[in-house]
Full PDB file with SEQRES, HELIX, SHEET, SSBOND, CRYST1, ORIGX, SCALE, CONECT and MASTER records, all heavy atoms in Angstrom:
SEQRES   1 A   37  GLY PRO PRO LEU LEU ARG GLU THR PHE THR VAL LYS PRO          
SEQRES   2 A   37  GLY LEU GLU MET VAL VAL ASP TYR ALA ALA ASN GLY ASN          
SEQRES   3 A   37  VAL CYS LYS ILE GLN LEU PRO PRO MET GLY PRO                  
SHEET    1 AA1 3 ARG A   6  LYS A  12  0                                        
SHEET    2 AA1 3 LEU A  15  TYR A  21 -1                                        
SHEET    3 AA1 3 VAL A  27  GLN A  31 -1                                        
CRYST1    1.000    1.000    1.000  90.00  90.00  90.00 P 1           1          
ORIGX1      1.000000  0.000000  0.000000        0.00000                         
ORIGX2      0.000000  1.000000  0.000000        0.00000                         
ORIGX3      0.000000  0.000000  1.000000        0.00000                         
SCALE1      1.000000  0.000000  0.000000        0.00000                         
SCALE2      0.000000  1.000000  0.000000        0.00000                         
SCALE3      0.000000  0.000000  1.000000        0.00000                         
ATOM      1  N   GLY A   1      11.516  -3.466  13.181  1.00  0.00           N  
ATOM      2  CA  GLY A   1      11.860  -2.236  12.490  1.00  0.00           C  
ATOM      3  C   GLY A   1      10.619  -1.492  12.026  1.00  0.00           C  
ATOM      4  O   GLY A   1       9.493  -1.936  12.233  1.00  0.00           O  
ATOM      5  N   PRO A   2      10.805  -0.341  11.378  1.00  0.00           N  
ATOM      6  CA  PRO A   2       9.665   0.484  10.942  1.00  0.00           C  
ATOM      7  C   PRO A   2       8.921  -0.183   9.786  1.00  0.00           C  
ATOM      8  O   PRO A   2       9.481  -1.007   9.066  1.00  0.00           O  
ATOM      9  CB  PRO A   2      10.321   1.789  10.487  1.00  0.00           C  
ATOM     10  CG  PRO A   2      11.697   1.391  10.105  1.00  0.00           C  
ATOM     11  CD  PRO A   2      12.085   0.259  11.021  1.00  0.00           C  
ATOM     12  N   PRO A   3       7.645   0.165   9.606  1.00  0.00           N  
ATOM     13  CA  PRO A   3       6.880  -0.414   8.504  1.00  0.00           C  
ATOM     14  C   PRO A   3       7.444   0.046   7.164  1.00  0.00           C  
ATOM     15  O   PRO A   3       7.841   1.194   7.006  1.00  0.00           O  
ATOM     16  CB  PRO A   3       5.461   0.126   8.711  1.00  0.00           C  
ATOM     17  CG  PRO A   3       5.645   1.362   9.522  1.00  0.00           C  
ATOM     18  CD  PRO A   3       6.867   1.141  10.356  1.00  0.00           C  
ATOM     19  N   LEU A   4       7.495  -0.863   6.213  1.00  0.00           N  
ATOM     20  CA  LEU A   4       8.068  -0.532   4.915  1.00  0.00           C  
ATOM     21  C   LEU A   4       7.031  -0.421   3.815  1.00  0.00           C  
ATOM     22  O   LEU A   4       7.305   0.168   2.780  1.00  0.00           O  
ATOM     23  CB  LEU A   4       9.099  -1.599   4.512  1.00  0.00           C  
ATOM     24  CG  LEU A   4      10.320  -1.687   5.412  1.00  0.00           C  
ATOM     25  CD1 LEU A   4      11.224  -2.819   4.951  1.00  0.00           C  
ATOM     26  CD2 LEU A   4      11.081  -0.383   5.408  1.00  0.00           C  
ATOM     27  N   LEU A   5       5.885  -1.005   3.970  1.00  0.00           N  
ATOM     28  CA  LEU A   5       4.931  -1.055   2.876  1.00  0.00           C  
ATOM     29  C   LEU A   5       4.089   0.209   2.731  1.00  0.00           C  
ATOM     30  O   LEU A   5       3.976   0.751   1.650  1.00  0.00           O  
ATOM     31  CB  LEU A   5       3.992  -2.260   3.043  1.00  0.00           C  
ATOM     32  CG  LEU A   5       4.644  -3.617   2.863  1.00  0.00           C  
ATOM     33  CD1 LEU A   5       3.612  -4.706   3.069  1.00  0.00           C  
ATOM     34  CD2 LEU A   5       5.272  -3.742   1.501  1.00  0.00           C  
ATOM     35  N   ARG A   6       3.483   0.687   3.803  1.00  0.00           N  
ATOM     36  CA  ARG A   6       2.512   1.771   3.666  1.00  0.00           C  
ATOM     37  C   ARG A   6       2.394   2.570   4.949  1.00  0.00           C  
ATOM     38  O   ARG A   6       2.416   2.016   6.029  1.00  0.00           O  
ATOM     39  CB  ARG A   6       1.163   1.157   3.315  1.00  0.00           C  
ATOM     40  CG  ARG A   6       0.041   2.140   3.260  1.00  0.00           C  
ATOM     41  CD  ARG A   6      -1.216   1.517   2.754  1.00  0.00           C  
ATOM     42  NE  ARG A   6      -1.086   1.446   1.305  1.00  0.00           N  
ATOM     43  CZ  ARG A   6      -1.946   0.817   0.526  1.00  0.00           C  
ATOM     44  NH1 ARG A   6      -2.951   0.190   1.029  1.00  0.00           N  
ATOM     45  NH2 ARG A   6      -1.788   0.824  -0.775  1.00  0.00           N  
ATOM     46  N   GLU A   7       2.264   3.896   4.777  1.00  0.00           N  
ATOM     47  CA  GLU A   7       1.981   4.790   5.890  1.00  0.00           C  
ATOM     48  C   GLU A   7       0.919   5.783   5.446  1.00  0.00           C  
ATOM     49  O   GLU A   7       0.858   6.143   4.278  1.00  0.00           O  
ATOM     50  CB  GLU A   7       3.228   5.579   6.307  1.00  0.00           C  
ATOM     51  CG  GLU A   7       4.258   4.764   7.039  1.00  0.00           C  
ATOM     52  CD  GLU A   7       5.428   5.612   7.501  1.00  0.00           C  
ATOM     53  OE1 GLU A   7       6.071   6.251   6.656  1.00  0.00           O  
ATOM     54  OE2 GLU A   7       5.686   5.625   8.708  1.00  0.00           O  
ATOM     55  N   THR A   8       0.126   6.229   6.385  1.00  0.00           N  
ATOM     56  CA  THR A   8      -0.879   7.254   6.114  1.00  0.00           C  
ATOM     57  C   THR A   8      -0.509   8.493   6.919  1.00  0.00           C  
ATOM     58  O   THR A   8      -0.284   8.414   8.123  1.00  0.00           O  
ATOM     59  CB  THR A   8      -2.280   6.769   6.505  1.00  0.00           C  
ATOM     60  OG1 THR A   8      -2.580   5.578   5.775  1.00  0.00           O  
ATOM     61  CG2 THR A   8      -3.328   7.827   6.197  1.00  0.00           C  
ATOM     62  N   PHE A   9      -0.428   9.620   6.231  1.00  0.00           N  
ATOM     63  CA  PHE A   9      -0.095  10.891   6.862  1.00  0.00           C  
ATOM     64  C   PHE A   9      -1.312  11.800   6.825  1.00  0.00           C  
ATOM     65  O   PHE A   9      -1.992  11.887   5.801  1.00  0.00           O  
ATOM     66  CB  PHE A   9       1.041  11.599   6.117  1.00  0.00           C  
ATOM     67  CG  PHE A   9       2.333  10.841   6.122  1.00  0.00           C  
ATOM     68  CD1 PHE A   9       2.655   9.973   5.094  1.00  0.00           C  
ATOM     69  CD2 PHE A   9       3.233  10.988   7.161  1.00  0.00           C  
ATOM     70  CE1 PHE A   9       3.851   9.280   5.078  1.00  0.00           C  
ATOM     71  CE2 PHE A   9       4.434  10.298   7.168  1.00  0.00           C  
ATOM     72  CZ  PHE A   9       4.741   9.437   6.125  1.00  0.00           C  
ATOM     73  N   THR A  10      -1.576  12.501   7.918  1.00  0.00           N  
ATOM     74  CA  THR A  10      -2.594  13.542   7.928  1.00  0.00           C  
ATOM     75  C   THR A  10      -1.868  14.831   7.579  1.00  0.00           C  
ATOM     76  O   THR A  10      -1.124  15.382   8.393  1.00  0.00           O  
ATOM     77  CB  THR A  10      -3.278  13.646   9.297  1.00  0.00           C  
ATOM     78  OG1 THR A  10      -3.870  12.383   9.594  1.00  0.00           O  
ATOM     79  CG2 THR A  10      -4.351  14.728   9.291  1.00  0.00           C  
ATOM     80  N   VAL A  11      -2.057  15.281   6.346  1.00  0.00           N  
ATOM     81  CA  VAL A  11      -1.379  16.479   5.848  1.00  0.00           C  
ATOM     82  C   VAL A  11      -1.931  17.710   6.554  1.00  0.00           C  
ATOM     83  O   VAL A  11      -1.184  18.576   7.000  1.00  0.00           O  
ATOM     84  CB  VAL A  11      -1.545  16.595   4.321  1.00  0.00           C  
ATOM     85  CG1 VAL A  11      -0.941  17.869   3.804  1.00  0.00           C  
ATOM     86  CG2 VAL A  11      -0.936  15.377   3.643  1.00  0.00           C  
ATOM     87  N   LYS A  12      -3.228  17.782   6.634  1.00  0.00           N  
ATOM     88  CA  LYS A  12      -3.942  18.803   7.395  1.00  0.00           C  
ATOM     89  C   LYS A  12      -5.332  18.254   7.629  1.00  0.00           C  
ATOM     90  O   LYS A  12      -5.713  17.255   6.997  1.00  0.00           O  
ATOM     91  CB  LYS A  12      -3.959  20.158   6.669  1.00  0.00           C  
ATOM     92  CG  LYS A  12      -4.478  20.157   5.260  1.00  0.00           C  
ATOM     93  CD  LYS A  12      -4.335  21.558   4.683  1.00  0.00           C  
ATOM     94  CE  LYS A  12      -4.446  21.560   3.178  1.00  0.00           C  
ATOM     95  NZ  LYS A  12      -4.315  22.897   2.623  1.00  0.00           N  
ATOM     96  N   PRO A  13      -6.106  18.824   8.523  1.00  0.00           N  
ATOM     97  CA  PRO A  13      -7.437  18.271   8.785  1.00  0.00           C  
ATOM     98  C   PRO A  13      -8.244  18.132   7.484  1.00  0.00           C  
ATOM     99  O   PRO A  13      -8.354  19.071   6.709  1.00  0.00           O  
ATOM    100  CB  PRO A  13      -8.075  19.301   9.725  1.00  0.00           C  
ATOM    101  CG  PRO A  13      -6.907  19.947  10.402  1.00  0.00           C  
ATOM    102  CD  PRO A  13      -5.807  19.981   9.366  1.00  0.00           C  
ATOM    103  N   GLY A  14      -8.723  16.935   7.245  1.00  0.00           N  
ATOM    104  CA  GLY A  14      -9.511  16.676   6.041  1.00  0.00           C  
ATOM    105  C   GLY A  14      -8.699  16.205   4.855  1.00  0.00           C  
ATOM    106  O   GLY A  14      -9.248  15.976   3.783  1.00  0.00           O  
ATOM    107  N   LEU A  15      -7.383  16.040   5.009  1.00  0.00           N  
ATOM    108  CA  LEU A  15      -6.541  15.599   3.901  1.00  0.00           C  
ATOM    109  C   LEU A  15      -5.532  14.561   4.386  1.00  0.00           C  
ATOM    110  O   LEU A  15      -4.623  14.881   5.151  1.00  0.00           O  
ATOM    111  CB  LEU A  15      -5.807  16.780   3.261  1.00  0.00           C  
ATOM    112  CG  LEU A  15      -4.831  16.454   2.128  1.00  0.00           C  
ATOM    113  CD1 LEU A  15      -5.499  15.663   1.013  1.00  0.00           C  
ATOM    114  CD2 LEU A  15      -4.208  17.722   1.577  1.00  0.00           C  
ATOM    115  N   GLU A  16      -5.750  13.324   3.952  1.00  0.00           N  
ATOM    116  CA  GLU A  16      -4.818  12.246   4.276  1.00  0.00           C  
ATOM    117  C   GLU A  16      -4.105  11.800   3.017  1.00  0.00           C  
ATOM    118  O   GLU A  16      -4.692  11.757   1.939  1.00  0.00           O  
ATOM    119  CB  GLU A  16      -5.555  11.063   4.900  1.00  0.00           C  
ATOM    120  CG  GLU A  16      -6.015  11.336   6.305  1.00  0.00           C  
ATOM    121  CD  GLU A  16      -6.572  10.107   6.986  1.00  0.00           C  
ATOM    122  OE1 GLU A  16      -6.820   9.089   6.305  1.00  0.00           O  
ATOM    123  OE2 GLU A  16      -6.771  10.167   8.205  1.00  0.00           O  
ATOM    124  N   MET A  17      -2.831  11.454   3.174  1.00  0.00           N  
ATOM    125  CA  MET A  17      -1.992  11.009   2.077  1.00  0.00           C  
ATOM    126  C   MET A  17      -1.475   9.619   2.442  1.00  0.00           C  
ATOM    127  O   MET A  17      -0.922   9.418   3.522  1.00  0.00           O  
ATOM    128  CB  MET A  17      -0.836  12.002   1.909  1.00  0.00           C  
ATOM    129  CG  MET A  17       0.224  11.579   0.936  1.00  0.00           C  
ATOM    130  SD  MET A  17       1.508  12.856   0.691  1.00  0.00           S  
ATOM    131  CE  MET A  17       2.230  12.983   2.318  1.00  0.00           C  
ATOM    132  N   VAL A  18      -1.661   8.649   1.529  1.00  0.00           N  
ATOM    133  CA  VAL A  18      -1.181   7.287   1.742  1.00  0.00           C  
ATOM    134  C   VAL A  18       0.083   7.111   0.911  1.00  0.00           C  
ATOM    135  O   VAL A  18       0.085   7.363  -0.291  1.00  0.00           O  
ATOM    136  CB  VAL A  18      -2.248   6.245   1.336  1.00  0.00           C  
ATOM    137  CG1 VAL A  18      -1.719   4.836   1.520  1.00  0.00           C  
ATOM    138  CG2 VAL A  18      -3.524   6.458   2.132  1.00  0.00           C  
ATOM    139  N   VAL A  19       1.167   6.682   1.568  1.00  0.00           N  
ATOM    140  CA  VAL A  19       2.466   6.537   0.914  1.00  0.00           C  
ATOM    141  C   VAL A  19       2.887   5.075   0.966  1.00  0.00           C  
ATOM    142  O   VAL A  19       2.907   4.470   2.037  1.00  0.00           O  
ATOM    143  CB  VAL A  19       3.526   7.427   1.595  1.00  0.00           C  
ATOM    144  CG1 VAL A  19       4.879   7.252   0.934  1.00  0.00           C  
ATOM    145  CG2 VAL A  19       3.097   8.887   1.561  1.00  0.00           C  
ATOM    146  N   ASP A  20       3.213   4.512  -0.191  1.00  0.00           N  
ATOM    147  CA  ASP A  20       3.741   3.155  -0.295  1.00  0.00           C  
ATOM    148  C   ASP A  20       5.235   3.238  -0.528  1.00  0.00           C  
ATOM    149  O   ASP A  20       5.724   4.162  -1.184  1.00  0.00           O  
ATOM    150  CB  ASP A  20       3.095   2.398  -1.459  1.00  0.00           C  
ATOM    151  CG  ASP A  20       1.632   2.108  -1.215  1.00  0.00           C  
ATOM    152  OD1 ASP A  20       1.297   1.670  -0.107  1.00  0.00           O  
ATOM    153  OD2 ASP A  20       0.820   2.320  -2.135  1.00  0.00           O  
ATOM    154  N   TYR A  21       5.970   2.243  -0.019  1.00  0.00           N  
ATOM    155  CA  TYR A  21       7.424   2.231  -0.098  1.00  0.00           C  
ATOM    156  C   TYR A  21       7.933   1.022  -0.869  1.00  0.00           C  
ATOM    157  O   TYR A  21       7.348  -0.052  -0.829  1.00  0.00           O  
ATOM    158  CB  TYR A  21       8.039   2.229   1.303  1.00  0.00           C  
ATOM    159  CG  TYR A  21       7.715   3.466   2.086  1.00  0.00           C  
ATOM    160  CD1 TYR A  21       6.625   3.505   2.948  1.00  0.00           C  
ATOM    161  CD2 TYR A  21       8.483   4.608   1.948  1.00  0.00           C  
ATOM    162  CE1 TYR A  21       6.313   4.652   3.652  1.00  0.00           C  
ATOM    163  CE2 TYR A  21       8.177   5.762   2.652  1.00  0.00           C  
ATOM    164  CZ  TYR A  21       7.093   5.777   3.506  1.00  0.00           C  
ATOM    165  OH  TYR A  21       6.783   6.915   4.193  1.00  0.00           O  
ATOM    166  N   ALA A  22       9.040   1.216  -1.547  1.00  0.00           N  
ATOM    167  CA  ALA A  22       9.743   0.121  -2.223  1.00  0.00           C  
ATOM    168  C   ALA A  22      10.568  -0.632  -1.176  1.00  0.00           C  
ATOM    169  O   ALA A  22      10.717  -0.182  -0.038  1.00  0.00           O  
ATOM    170  CB  ALA A  22      10.652   0.690  -3.316  1.00  0.00           C  
ATOM    171  N   ALA A  23      11.117  -1.771  -1.569  1.00  0.00           N  
ATOM    172  CA  ALA A  23      11.918  -2.581  -0.649  1.00  0.00           C  
ATOM    173  C   ALA A  23      13.136  -1.814  -0.131  1.00  0.00           C  
ATOM    174  O   ALA A  23      13.586  -2.048   0.987  1.00  0.00           O  
ATOM    175  CB  ALA A  23      12.362  -3.864  -1.339  1.00  0.00           C  
ATOM    176  N   ASN A  24      13.653  -0.863  -0.916  1.00  0.00           N  
ATOM    177  CA  ASN A  24      14.825  -0.091  -0.491  1.00  0.00           C  
ATOM    178  C   ASN A  24      14.462   1.071   0.433  1.00  0.00           C  
ATOM    179  O   ASN A  24      15.328   1.829   0.848  1.00  0.00           O  
ATOM    180  CB  ASN A  24      15.598   0.415  -1.709  1.00  0.00           C  
ATOM    181  CG  ASN A  24      14.792   1.354  -2.582  1.00  0.00           C  
ATOM    182  OD1 ASN A  24      13.695   1.771  -2.227  1.00  0.00           O  
ATOM    183  ND2 ASN A  24      15.329   1.679  -3.746  1.00  0.00           N  
ATOM    184  N   GLY A  25      13.167   1.253   0.739  1.00  0.00           N  
ATOM    185  CA  GLY A  25      12.725   2.314   1.638  1.00  0.00           C  
ATOM    186  C   GLY A  25      12.336   3.596   0.950  1.00  0.00           C  
ATOM    187  O   GLY A  25      11.821   4.512   1.590  1.00  0.00           O  
ATOM    188  N   ASN A  26      12.550   3.709  -0.367  1.00  0.00           N  
ATOM    189  CA  ASN A  26      12.167   4.907  -1.109  1.00  0.00           C  
ATOM    190  C   ASN A  26      10.666   4.906  -1.380  1.00  0.00           C  
ATOM    191  O   ASN A  26      10.042   3.851  -1.504  1.00  0.00           O  
ATOM    192  CB  ASN A  26      12.912   4.991  -2.437  1.00  0.00           C  
ATOM    193  CG  ASN A  26      14.389   5.231  -2.245  1.00  0.00           C  
ATOM    194  OD1 ASN A  26      14.835   5.671  -1.202  1.00  0.00           O  
ATOM    195  ND2 ASN A  26      15.164   4.920  -3.265  1.00  0.00           N  
ATOM    196  N   VAL A  27      10.108   6.088  -1.516  1.00  0.00           N  
ATOM    197  CA  VAL A  27       8.687   6.214  -1.855  1.00  0.00           C  
ATOM    198  C   VAL A  27       8.475   5.707  -3.270  1.00  0.00           C  
ATOM    199  O   VAL A  27       9.221   6.062  -4.185  1.00  0.00           O  
ATOM    200  CB  VAL A  27       8.231   7.684  -1.740  1.00  0.00           C  
ATOM    201  CG1 VAL A  27       6.810   7.856  -2.232  1.00  0.00           C  
ATOM    202  CG2 VAL A  27       8.367   8.175  -0.309  1.00  0.00           C  
ATOM    203  N   CYS A  28       7.462   4.865  -3.451  1.00  0.00           N  
ATOM    204  CA  CYS A  28       7.167   4.377  -4.800  1.00  0.00           C  
ATOM    205  C   CYS A  28       5.793   4.849  -5.278  1.00  0.00           C  
ATOM    206  O   CYS A  28       5.563   4.940  -6.483  1.00  0.00           O  
ATOM    207  CB  CYS A  28       7.261   2.849  -4.869  1.00  0.00           C  
ATOM    208  SG  CYS A  28       6.084   1.980  -3.832  1.00  0.00           S  
ATOM    209  N   LYS A  29       4.876   5.176  -4.342  1.00  0.00           N  
ATOM    210  CA  LYS A  29       3.539   5.613  -4.755  1.00  0.00           C  
ATOM    211  C   LYS A  29       2.921   6.474  -3.668  1.00  0.00           C  
ATOM    212  O   LYS A  29       3.090   6.208  -2.485  1.00  0.00           O  
ATOM    213  CB  LYS A  29       2.651   4.396  -5.023  1.00  0.00           C  
ATOM    214  CG  LYS A  29       1.270   4.734  -5.509  1.00  0.00           C  
ATOM    215  CD  LYS A  29       0.484   3.541  -6.035  1.00  0.00           C  
ATOM    216  CE  LYS A  29       0.434   2.371  -5.123  1.00  0.00           C  
ATOM    217  NZ  LYS A  29      -0.488   1.319  -5.558  1.00  0.00           N  
ATOM    218  N   ILE A  30       2.201   7.520  -4.089  1.00  0.00           N  
ATOM    219  CA  ILE A  30       1.468   8.396  -3.184  1.00  0.00           C  
ATOM    220  C   ILE A  30       0.023   8.454  -3.663  1.00  0.00           C  
ATOM    221  O   ILE A  30      -0.231   8.717  -4.836  1.00  0.00           O  
ATOM    222  CB  ILE A  30       2.067   9.820  -3.164  1.00  0.00           C  
ATOM    223  CG1 ILE A  30       3.501   9.778  -2.654  1.00  0.00           C  
ATOM    224  CG2 ILE A  30       1.209  10.756  -2.325  1.00  0.00           C  
ATOM    225  CD1 ILE A  30       4.232  11.102  -2.773  1.00  0.00           C  
ATOM    226  N   GLN A  31      -0.908   8.213  -2.752  1.00  0.00           N  
ATOM    227  CA  GLN A  31      -2.325   8.266  -3.088  1.00  0.00           C  
ATOM    228  C   GLN A  31      -2.983   9.415  -2.338  1.00  0.00           C  
ATOM    229  O   GLN A  31      -2.759   9.590  -1.142  1.00  0.00           O  
ATOM    230  CB  GLN A  31      -3.006   6.961  -2.710  1.00  0.00           C  
ATOM    231  CG  GLN A  31      -2.464   5.762  -3.467  1.00  0.00           C  
ATOM    232  CD  GLN A  31      -3.062   4.472  -2.968  1.00  0.00           C  
ATOM    233  OE1 GLN A  31      -4.270   4.325  -2.939  1.00  0.00           O  
ATOM    234  NE2 GLN A  31      -2.208   3.545  -2.578  1.00  0.00           N  
ATOM    235  N   LEU A  32      -3.775  10.179  -3.067  1.00  0.00           N  
ATOM    236  CA  LEU A  32      -4.480  11.324  -2.505  1.00  0.00           C  
ATOM    237  C   LEU A  32      -5.965  11.198  -2.792  1.00  0.00           C  
ATOM    238  O   LEU A  32      -6.365  10.584  -3.797  1.00  0.00           O  
ATOM    239  CB  LEU A  32      -3.945  12.625  -3.105  1.00  0.00           C  
ATOM    240  CG  LEU A  32      -2.486  12.953  -2.805  1.00  0.00           C  
ATOM    241  CD1 LEU A  32      -1.990  14.069  -3.709  1.00  0.00           C  
ATOM    242  CD2 LEU A  32      -2.333  13.335  -1.347  1.00  0.00           C  
ATOM    243  N   PRO A  33      -6.803  11.807  -1.960  1.00  0.00           N  
ATOM    244  CA  PRO A  33      -8.242  11.786  -2.215  1.00  0.00           C  
ATOM    245  C   PRO A  33      -8.589  12.689  -3.400  1.00  0.00           C  
ATOM    246  O   PRO A  33      -7.758  13.476  -3.854  1.00  0.00           O  
ATOM    247  CB  PRO A  33      -8.831  12.319  -0.914  1.00  0.00           C  
ATOM    248  CG  PRO A  33      -7.762  13.190  -0.348  1.00  0.00           C  
ATOM    249  CD  PRO A  33      -6.462  12.541  -0.752  1.00  0.00           C  
ATOM    250  N   PRO A  34      -9.820  12.598  -3.898  1.00  0.00           N  
ATOM    251  CA  PRO A  34     -10.205  13.416  -5.048  1.00  0.00           C  
ATOM    252  C   PRO A  34     -10.309  14.901  -4.732  1.00  0.00           C  
ATOM    253  O   PRO A  34     -10.085  15.738  -5.595  1.00  0.00           O  
ATOM    254  CB  PRO A  34     -11.566  12.856  -5.455  1.00  0.00           C  
ATOM    255  CG  PRO A  34     -12.098  12.210  -4.224  1.00  0.00           C  
ATOM    256  CD  PRO A  34     -10.901  11.702  -3.475  1.00  0.00           C  
ATOM    257  N   MET A  35     -10.654  15.222  -3.477  1.00  0.00           N  
ATOM    258  CA  MET A  35     -10.796  16.624  -3.080  1.00  0.00           C  
ATOM    259  C   MET A  35     -10.166  16.817  -1.713  1.00  0.00           C  
ATOM    260  O   MET A  35     -10.041  15.876  -0.935  1.00  0.00           O  
ATOM    261  CB  MET A  35     -12.268  17.025  -3.033  1.00  0.00           C  
ATOM    262  CG  MET A  35     -12.934  16.971  -4.390  1.00  0.00           C  
ATOM    263  SD  MET A  35     -14.548  17.778  -4.491  1.00  0.00           S  
ATOM    264  CE  MET A  35     -15.442  17.102  -3.141  1.00  0.00           C  
ATOM    265  N   GLY A  36      -9.784  18.048  -1.436  1.00  0.00           N  
ATOM    266  CA  GLY A  36      -9.186  18.373  -0.157  1.00  0.00           C  
ATOM    267  C   GLY A  36      -9.676  19.710   0.348  1.00  0.00           C  
ATOM    268  O   GLY A  36     -10.370  20.437  -0.361  1.00  0.00           O  
ATOM    269  N   PRO A  37      -9.309  20.039   1.594  1.00  0.00           N  
ATOM    270  CA  PRO A  37      -9.747  21.306   2.175  1.00  0.00           C  
ATOM    271  C   PRO A  37      -9.157  22.496   1.433  1.00  0.00           C  
ATOM    272  O   PRO A  37      -7.975  22.536   1.145  1.00  0.00           O  
ATOM    273  CB  PRO A  37      -9.250  21.233   3.619  1.00  0.00           C  
ATOM    274  CG  PRO A  37      -8.200  20.185   3.619  1.00  0.00           C  
ATOM    275  CD  PRO A  37      -8.474  19.267   2.479  1.00  0.00           C  
TER     276      PRO A  37                                                      
MASTER        0    0    0    0    3    0    0    6  275    1    0    3          
END                                                                             
């Protein structure tokens, strides 16, 4: 099945967002860099 713990999304060039998931599949945490484009 699909990964449940963590995914990294490229929001736009130079900006990546890391998303962690709870056991139920809902987003539990989003991590962003200090600066973006």
